[in-house]
Structure formats: C-alpha cells, structure tokens
Amino acid sequence: MKKSTKIWLVVASSLMVIGLITFAAVMTEYNWDFMKLSTEKYETNTHEITEDFNNISINTDTANIIFALSDSGKCKVECYESKKSKHSVITKDDTLIIKTTNKRNWYDYVGIHFGSPKITIFLPKAKYSVLSINQDTGDILLPKYFKFASADILSSTGDVNFFASASKPVKIKTSTGHISVKDSSVKALDLTASTGDIIISNVTCKKDINIRLSTGETDLTDIKCKNLKACASTGNITLKNVISQETFSIKTSTGNVKFDHSDAKEIFTETDTGNVVGSLLKDKIFITSTDTGRVDVPKTVSGGKCEIITDTGDIKITVNKE
C-alpha cells in the first residue's frame, strides 16, 4: 500500500473518531433527545370553534388527523404543527374548514426533521353531513361513534382507519398506505389503493363494495352487501363470512383467491397465476377453465352460476351448506 494512501486512511479514521466523540458529547448535553437536533420547530395551537356546522373539510400537507368526541360539548381543533406550516381553522357556509397555510421557502425543506405534525379534532356531536379530507402525508383515524351522510377521503402517503358509519357512499383513495374499514354501516363503499393492504371487517353495506388495489393484500371478514367487486394486480384476496345478495366479481393477476364460508347468487373469479380455493354455502353450477392447473369442484347441477378462470392456478371449491 502506498504511503500517501496510508496517510489518507489515518486522517479519515481520525476524523471519523472525532466526529463520533463530538456527536456523543452533543447528545449527552441534550440528554439524548433527538428532537433537539431538529431544524424544524414545532408548536401546539388550539382553535376554539363557537359556530355550529354540519360539514367538515380538511386540506393538509403533512399531518396525522384524529377525530374525537369533545368532553366539554364544544368544538376544539388542536394542531401540533411546524411554525412555518400552520393550519387555519374557520367555519364558513355550514362547514368547518381546516387547511394548511404553508409559509415555507424551498430551503426550509432541507434539514433534519424529527417532528410529526398532528391535527386532533374534538367534535361536540356524533352526527355530521359531508366529510371531505385531502391529505398528502399522515394517518387518518375516524372512531366508530361518528356517523356521516357521506365521506370522501384522499391520502397520498398514510393509513386510513375508517371505523365510522355513513348513510351515503364512502370513498377512500390512497397511494401508499393501508385502508381499514371496521364495525361500520354504510350505503356503498369504494376503496382504491396503489401500495398497501385493504382490510374490511364487520361491515354492512346496503349497496355495492368496489375495491381496486395494485400491490397488497385484500382481507374481507363478516360482511354483507349487495354486490362485491374486487380487482388486484399483486396480492391475495380472502373472503371470510362474506355474503352478497347478488354477485361476487373478483379478479387478480398474481395472487390467490380464497372463499371461507362466503357466497353470492352468482360468482365470477379470474386469476392469472393464482389458485382459487375455499368453501361456499350453497350449490352452484360450476364453469371452470385453467391452462395448467387442477380442478376439484362439486358436480352439482343446480344453483347460481359460479365461473372460475385461471391460467396457471388450481381450482378447489367445496360447498358447506348452512
């Protein structure tokens, strides 16, 4: 090894040691509180709302959004936010409006960021009309004791947990994040995700459930609806105790489809490289097609149509009558 190379290695090692010692000294001074290293400064601002409203509209860049019932019977919005990216909270046209007032310059995005902005909305009542949320980054939580006429939620990066109910359609769309709908009663459900799981549990839907998913798992449990349509590119689709009054329409590219004590009057299922297995509740007239897979279905001659198509997947279905 050249002498100059050895010298540079010694210098580099020395600088590294000095850097580690300096970092340890600074963190000791800060009691190892990494928040003190953040170049983004945060504060909590509370907004008291005295006017009545029936609609809620939220438009924010980066914040977790949490709904809760107010103990005082009055509306309060608590914002833990960056000093350079605050939120305005007003009521207008029977609507509570929360939106980001971003005063950042481009160079404000460069630095060390440890904070996690959060908006907590304390509502004085459980029933509201229209809920609209447009969010870039952050999780959303709607507890089960809230009820809306309709809900439209758009989130780029973050999980959406919708445990409320709605007398009209609920629409939820995310780019990167999980969608969870649980313990709900809704008129219709429209869920779209690019990357993330979609989980629906203990839901009664008067009309249709539509699911579109690119990459992720789809798990449906204890559901009643009129029609169910689920389409996924990569990921399994599992139905457990799911009952549709009319149809199942299920399609995947690379994923399995599993029925567990689920049924509809008519069923159409198609996969490219996935298996279709499980149990139904009533006899069906089976129409099956597979290129390289095995087929094992009951030889029943009555009931609704059950058409299953795969390219390279097996088909194995049983009927466990109620």
Foldseek 3Di string as FASTA:
>chain_A
DDPVVVVVVVVVVVVVVVVVVVVVVVCVVVVVPCQVQFPWDKDKDKDWDDDAAFEEAEEEEFAAEEEEADPVLTKMKIKTDTPQWAWDWDDDPRYTYIYIDHRDDPCVVDTHDDDHIYIYIHHNDQEHEEYEYHYEYYEYDDAQSHEYQEYAEEYEYYEYEAAYEHAEEYEYEYEHYEYEYEPYEYQEYEYEYEHYEYEYEQYEYAEEYEYEYEAYEYEYYNYEYAEYEYEYEYYEYEYANYEHAAEYHYEYEHYEYEYEAYDYQEYEYEYEAYAYEYEYADDECEAEEEQAEAEAEDNDDDTHHYYYYYHHYYYYYYHHHD
